[in-house]
């Protein structure tokens, strides 16, 4: 799983964040790091976890805003007019 995360796989990063979170309070920084990286790669579940952590005060407003902007940019980078028009057309 770590190799996949290092290779840029967002679900692997998210899963590592979950593993770190299950280890306890001492691993909170590593958990946030993995969730932020996964969010930066456009993984929606990671941004949802960060929203909850922001609401709980576990992540700063600045870090959350940065992750949110990066997530938005990653999602926008994967969309195109061709994809949107093909998803609207019926077969």
Foldseek 3Di string as FASTA:
>chain_A
DVVVVVVQDLVVLQVVLVVLVVVDDVSLVSSLVSLLSSLLQQDPVSLVVVVVCVVVVSDDPVSNVVSPVSNVVNVVVPDDPVVVVVVPDDD
